[in-house]
């Protein structure tokens, strides 16, 4: 109980810094700040309702002709379990570009989601090679795999360390002539800030960003938020103590 109260206090602190922020999936007395908590409905796949929140709040745009049906899923992990992109591919025909450094899941994507393009690499600020902790413990455990030193989650599971290729997102997108997307999701266990530094925001934008940002204390990294805001995004919502949702102001012109 005390731990949950501390998390709530940190979220109040976050609300004071970013007054327009709303919350989703938080306890009732936190939801006085924003969107009511919802049970995850049948047909959604995300871990904590990320796909449900985006669809619920922007459903009038999701299928519109002017909204690009491109979903960039960075740190995609399993093709269906806790997937942020599967709902949009399965029910709304989105083209998915899936990026993950885990070679073990490449074949799973080929079999289960053959319409998505899977790229096997980590992402960062520049081309590089880095040590990567591969977490064991089954499907759930593999979600905690990360660039070595970027997350404490891997310390609770058996790991094997390998060297992986790192590429900037800007380079991956330029190769495919992608200059805009409907949704970009990023869940790479604490390495989100270097990954975002690998995006050229002058050449690319997504209408909606879903970024895991929980840090070591549950409040997340304000550098990520301030970076997104400085690039013209609106800090729209917080999913309890896990993810930040940012929207591009051009989304209102579509509405």
Protein backbone atom coordinates (compact mmCIF):
# COMPACT_ATOMS: atom_id res chain seq x y z
CA UNK A 1 0.00 0.00 0.00
CA UNK A 2 2.80 2.40 0.92
CA UNK A 3 4.53 1.66 -2.38
CA UNK A 4 1.34 2.50 -4.31
CA UNK A 5 0.89 5.72 -2.34
CA UNK A 6 4.45 6.74 -3.23
CA UNK A 7 3.70 6.10 -6.91
CA UNK A 8 0.55 8.19 -6.68
CA UNK A 9 2.51 11.02 -5.05
CA UNK A 10 5.01 10.93 -7.93
CA UNK A 11 2.16 11.10 -10.44
CA UNK A 12 0.72 14.14 -8.68
CA UNK A 13 4.19 15.67 -8.92
CA UNK A 14 4.20 14.92 -12.64
CA UNK A 15 0.77 16.54 -13.04
CA UNK A 16 2.05 19.71 -11.38
CA UNK A 17 4.93 19.92 -13.86
CA UNK A 18 2.75 19.12 -16.90
CA UNK A 19 -0.72 20.53 -16.01
CA UNK A 20 -2.46 19.42 -19.23
CA UNK A 21 -1.54 15.77 -18.65
CA UNK A 22 -4.34 13.25 -18.12
CA UNK A 23 -4.12 9.75 -16.67
CA UNK A 24 -5.40 6.39 -17.85
CA UNK A 25 -5.74 3.16 -15.88
CA UNK A 26 -4.71 4.73 -12.56
CA UNK A 27 -6.47 4.35 -9.16
CA UNK A 28 -9.76 6.23 -8.80
CA UNK A 29 -8.41 9.15 -6.78
CA UNK A 30 -5.75 9.74 -9.45
CA UNK A 31 -8.33 9.61 -12.23
CA UNK A 32 -9.77 12.91 -11.05
CA UNK A 33 -6.95 14.24 -13.25
CA UNK A 34 -8.17 12.71 -16.48
CA UNK A 35 -9.45 9.67 -18.35
CA UNK A 36 -11.44 7.12 -16.36
CA UNK A 37 -9.94 3.71 -15.75
CA UNK A 38 -11.25 1.08 -18.17
CA UNK A 39 -11.17 -2.70 -18.15
CA UNK A 40 -9.26 -4.10 -21.08
CA UNK A 41 -11.87 -5.16 -23.63
CA UNK A 42 -11.84 -8.25 -25.79
CA UNK A 43 -9.94 -7.60 -29.00
CA UNK A 44 -7.19 -5.45 -27.50
CA UNK A 45 -3.73 -6.87 -26.92
CA UNK A 46 -1.51 -4.31 -25.15
CA UNK A 47 -0.20 -4.96 -21.66
CA UNK A 48 -1.95 -2.00 -19.98
CA UNK A 49 -4.45 -0.82 -22.55
CA UNK A 50 -2.14 1.25 -24.75
CA UNK A 51 -3.98 0.18 -27.91
CA UNK A 52 -7.36 0.69 -26.22
CA UNK A 53 -6.49 4.23 -25.09
CA UNK A 54 -5.28 5.29 -28.54
CA UNK A 55 -8.28 3.72 -30.27
CA UNK A 56 -10.80 5.07 -27.75
CA UNK A 57 -9.51 8.63 -27.88
CA UNK A 58 -8.78 8.83 -31.62
CA UNK A 59 -11.11 6.26 -33.19
CA UNK A 60 -12.59 8.87 -35.57
CA UNK A 61 -9.12 9.33 -37.10
CA UNK A 62 -7.74 5.79 -37.02
CA UNK A 63 -9.60 4.74 -40.17
CA UNK A 64 -9.75 8.09 -41.95
CA UNK A 65 -8.10 8.42 -45.37
CA UNK A 66 -5.84 11.23 -44.15
CA UNK A 67 -4.41 9.23 -41.23
CA UNK A 68 -1.36 7.19 -42.37
CA UNK A 69 -1.94 3.52 -41.65
CA UNK A 70 1.67 2.91 -40.65
CA UNK A 71 2.58 1.60 -37.19
CA UNK A 72 6.25 1.58 -36.17
CA UNK A 73 6.67 -0.88 -33.29
CA UNK A 74 10.09 -0.46 -31.67
CA UNK A 75 10.93 -3.09 -29.07
CA UNK A 76 8.01 -5.10 -30.42
CA UNK A 77 8.92 -8.37 -28.66
CA UNK A 78 6.28 -11.13 -29.02
CA UNK A 79 4.09 -10.86 -32.15
CA UNK A 80 0.79 -11.00 -30.25
CA UNK A 81 1.35 -11.18 -26.50
CA UNK A 82 1.16 -7.64 -25.04
CA UNK A 83 1.53 -6.21 -28.54
CA UNK A 84 0.78 -2.51 -29.06
CA UNK A 85 0.50 -2.90 -32.83
CA UNK A 86 -1.42 -6.16 -33.40
CA UNK A 87 -4.89 -4.66 -32.87
CA UNK A 88 -4.26 -2.01 -35.54
CA UNK A 89 -2.84 -4.52 -38.03
CA UNK A 90 -5.52 -7.17 -37.43
CA UNK A 91 -8.64 -5.00 -37.35
CA UNK A 92 -7.66 -1.81 -39.20
CA UNK A 93 -5.20 -2.93 -41.87
CA UNK A 94 -2.16 -1.03 -40.63
CA UNK A 95 1.26 -1.77 -42.14
CA UNK A 96 3.61 -2.59 -39.26
CA UNK A 97 7.36 -2.04 -39.18
CA UNK A 98 8.55 -4.11 -36.20
CA UNK A 99 12.03 -3.58 -34.75
CA UNK A 100 13.68 -5.66 -32.03
CA UNK A 101 17.18 -6.88 -31.21
CA UNK A 102 15.99 -10.36 -30.14
CA UNK A 103 16.81 -12.84 -32.90
CA UNK A 104 14.72 -15.47 -31.06
CA UNK A 105 11.44 -13.75 -31.98
CA UNK A 106 12.25 -13.09 -35.65
CA UNK A 107 10.85 -16.46 -36.73
CA UNK A 108 7.74 -16.00 -34.54
CA UNK A 109 6.94 -12.81 -36.41
CA UNK A 110 7.48 -14.47 -39.78
CA UNK A 111 5.03 -17.24 -38.87
CA UNK A 112 2.39 -15.33 -36.91
CA UNK A 113 2.48 -11.88 -38.51
CA UNK A 114 3.78 -12.32 -42.06
CA UNK A 115 2.32 -8.99 -43.21
CA UNK A 116 4.62 -7.06 -40.87
CA UNK A 117 8.23 -6.26 -41.74
CA UNK A 118 10.59 -7.34 -38.95
CA UNK A 119 14.01 -5.69 -38.53
CA UNK A 120 16.46 -7.38 -36.19
CA UNK A 121 18.52 -4.69 -34.45
CA UNK A 122 18.59 -2.36 -31.48
CA UNK A 123 18.05 1.36 -31.99
CA UNK A 124 20.10 4.26 -30.67
CA UNK A 125 21.53 7.68 -31.42
CA UNK A 126 23.98 6.37 -34.05
CA UNK A 127 25.31 3.23 -35.74
CA UNK A 128 27.08 1.13 -33.17
CA UNK A 129 27.43 -2.27 -31.52
CA UNK A 130 26.41 -2.67 -27.89
CA UNK A 131 26.20 -5.34 -25.22
CA UNK A 132 22.63 -6.64 -24.91
CA UNK A 133 21.14 -8.61 -22.00
CA UNK A 134 18.84 -11.38 -23.23
CA UNK A 135 16.47 -12.27 -20.41
CA UNK A 136 15.21 -15.82 -19.95
CA UNK A 137 12.11 -16.99 -18.13
CA UNK A 138 9.75 -17.65 -21.05
CA UNK A 139 7.71 -15.24 -23.14
CA UNK A 140 7.11 -12.74 -20.34
CA UNK A 141 10.75 -12.72 -19.26
CA UNK A 142 12.01 -11.91 -22.76
CA UNK A 143 10.13 -8.60 -22.57
CA UNK A 144 12.78 -7.37 -20.13
CA UNK A 145 15.71 -7.88 -22.52
CA UNK A 146 17.61 -4.62 -22.93
CA UNK A 147 20.83 -2.84 -23.76
CA UNK A 148 23.17 -3.70 -20.87
CA UNK A 149 22.90 -1.22 -18.02
CA UNK A 150 19.74 0.49 -19.25
CA UNK A 151 17.30 -1.36 -16.99
CA UNK A 152 17.22 -3.03 -13.60
CA UNK A 153 14.44 -5.40 -14.63
CA UNK A 154 16.90 -7.91 -16.04
CA UNK A 155 18.49 -8.39 -12.60
CA UNK A 156 15.44 -10.43 -11.51
CA UNK A 157 15.81 -13.01 -14.29
CA UNK A 158 18.58 -15.19 -15.75
CA UNK A 159 20.37 -13.41 -18.58
CA UNK A 160 22.76 -14.11 -21.41
CA UNK A 161 24.75 -11.25 -22.84
CA UNK A 162 25.51 -10.80 -26.52
CA UNK A 163 26.65 -8.01 -28.83
CA UNK A 164 23.93 -6.56 -31.07
CA UNK A 165 23.87 -4.14 -33.95
CA UNK A 166 22.50 -0.66 -33.18
CA UNK A 167 21.01 1.63 -35.83
CA UNK A 168 19.42 5.08 -35.68
CA UNK A 169 15.69 5.10 -36.41
CA UNK A 170 16.19 7.88 -38.96
CA UNK A 171 18.33 5.60 -41.11
CA UNK A 172 15.82 2.72 -40.97
CA UNK A 173 12.97 5.03 -41.96
CA UNK A 174 14.94 6.74 -44.74
CA UNK A 175 15.72 3.37 -46.35
CA UNK A 176 11.97 2.75 -46.61
CA UNK A 177 11.06 6.31 -47.59
CA UNK A 178 8.86 6.66 -44.49
CA UNK A 179 8.50 10.31 -43.51
CA UNK A 180 5.36 10.01 -41.40
CA UNK A 181 3.39 7.37 -39.52
CA UNK A 182 0.10 7.15 -37.73
CA UNK A 183 1.54 5.62 -34.56
CA UNK A 184 5.04 4.95 -33.23
CA UNK A 185 5.41 2.75 -30.16
CA UNK A 186 8.69 2.43 -28.26
CA UNK A 187 9.30 -0.03 -25.43
CA UNK A 188 13.01 -0.76 -25.06
CA UNK A 189 13.51 -0.99 -21.32
CA UNK A 190 15.22 2.25 -20.38
CA UNK A 191 17.03 2.96 -23.66
CA UNK A 192 14.27 5.20 -25.04
CA UNK A 193 16.14 8.51 -24.79
CA UNK A 194 19.13 7.46 -26.96
CA UNK A 195 16.67 5.88 -29.40
CA UNK A 196 14.67 9.10 -29.70
CA UNK A 197 17.93 10.97 -30.36
CA UNK A 198 18.22 8.79 -33.47
CA UNK A 199 15.05 10.31 -34.97
CA UNK A 200 15.31 13.28 -37.33
CA UNK A 201 12.17 15.17 -36.31
CA UNK A 202 12.61 17.58 -39.22
CA UNK A 203 12.18 14.71 -41.70
CA UNK A 204 9.74 12.45 -39.86
CA UNK A 205 6.76 12.68 -37.57
CA UNK A 206 4.13 10.34 -36.18
CA UNK A 207 0.75 11.62 -35.14
CA UNK A 208 0.87 9.54 -31.95
CA UNK A 209 3.88 8.36 -29.91
CA UNK A 210 3.54 5.68 -27.22
CA UNK A 211 6.76 5.65 -25.19
CA UNK A 212 7.51 3.48 -22.17
CA UNK A 213 8.98 5.83 -19.61
CA UNK A 214 9.05 4.41 -16.11
CA UNK A 215 12.72 4.74 -15.19
CA UNK A 216 14.02 3.27 -11.97
CA UNK A 217 11.58 5.13 -9.69
CA UNK A 218 8.29 4.85 -11.56
CA UNK A 219 8.07 8.53 -12.43
CA UNK A 220 10.02 8.30 -15.66
CA UNK A 221 12.49 10.59 -17.37
CA UNK A 222 11.55 14.25 -17.88
CA UNK A 223 14.29 14.51 -20.52
CA UNK A 224 12.15 12.34 -22.79
CA UNK A 225 9.08 14.49 -22.18
CA UNK A 226 10.90 17.77 -22.66
CA UNK A 227 12.56 16.46 -25.82
CA UNK A 228 9.20 15.53 -27.32
CA UNK A 229 7.66 18.86 -26.30
CA UNK A 230 10.62 20.77 -27.79
CA UNK A 231 9.94 18.95 -31.08
CA UNK A 232 6.39 20.24 -31.14
CA UNK A 233 4.50 17.37 -29.47
CA UNK A 234 1.79 17.62 -26.83
CA UNK A 235 2.23 15.51 -23.71
CA UNK A 236 -1.26 14.05 -23.79
CA UNK A 237 -1.59 11.16 -21.35
CA UNK A 238 0.16 8.96 -18.83
CA UNK A 239 -0.71 5.27 -18.47
CA UNK A 240 -0.40 4.77 -14.71
CA UNK A 241 3.32 4.39 -13.93
CA UNK A 242 4.40 2.98 -17.30
CA UNK A 243 3.92 4.85 -20.59
CA UNK A 244 3.71 8.40 -21.91
CA UNK A 245 1.44 9.30 -24.85
CA UNK A 246 2.39 12.25 -27.07
CA UNK A 247 0.34 13.64 -29.94
CA UNK A 248 1.34 15.89 -32.83
CA UNK A 249 -0.82 19.05 -32.98
CA UNK A 250 -1.56 18.37 -36.67
CA UNK A 251 -3.87 15.63 -35.44
CA UNK A 252 -6.46 18.31 -34.63
CA UNK A 253 -6.49 19.46 -38.26
CA UNK A 254 -7.41 15.91 -39.27
CA UNK A 255 -10.27 15.90 -36.78
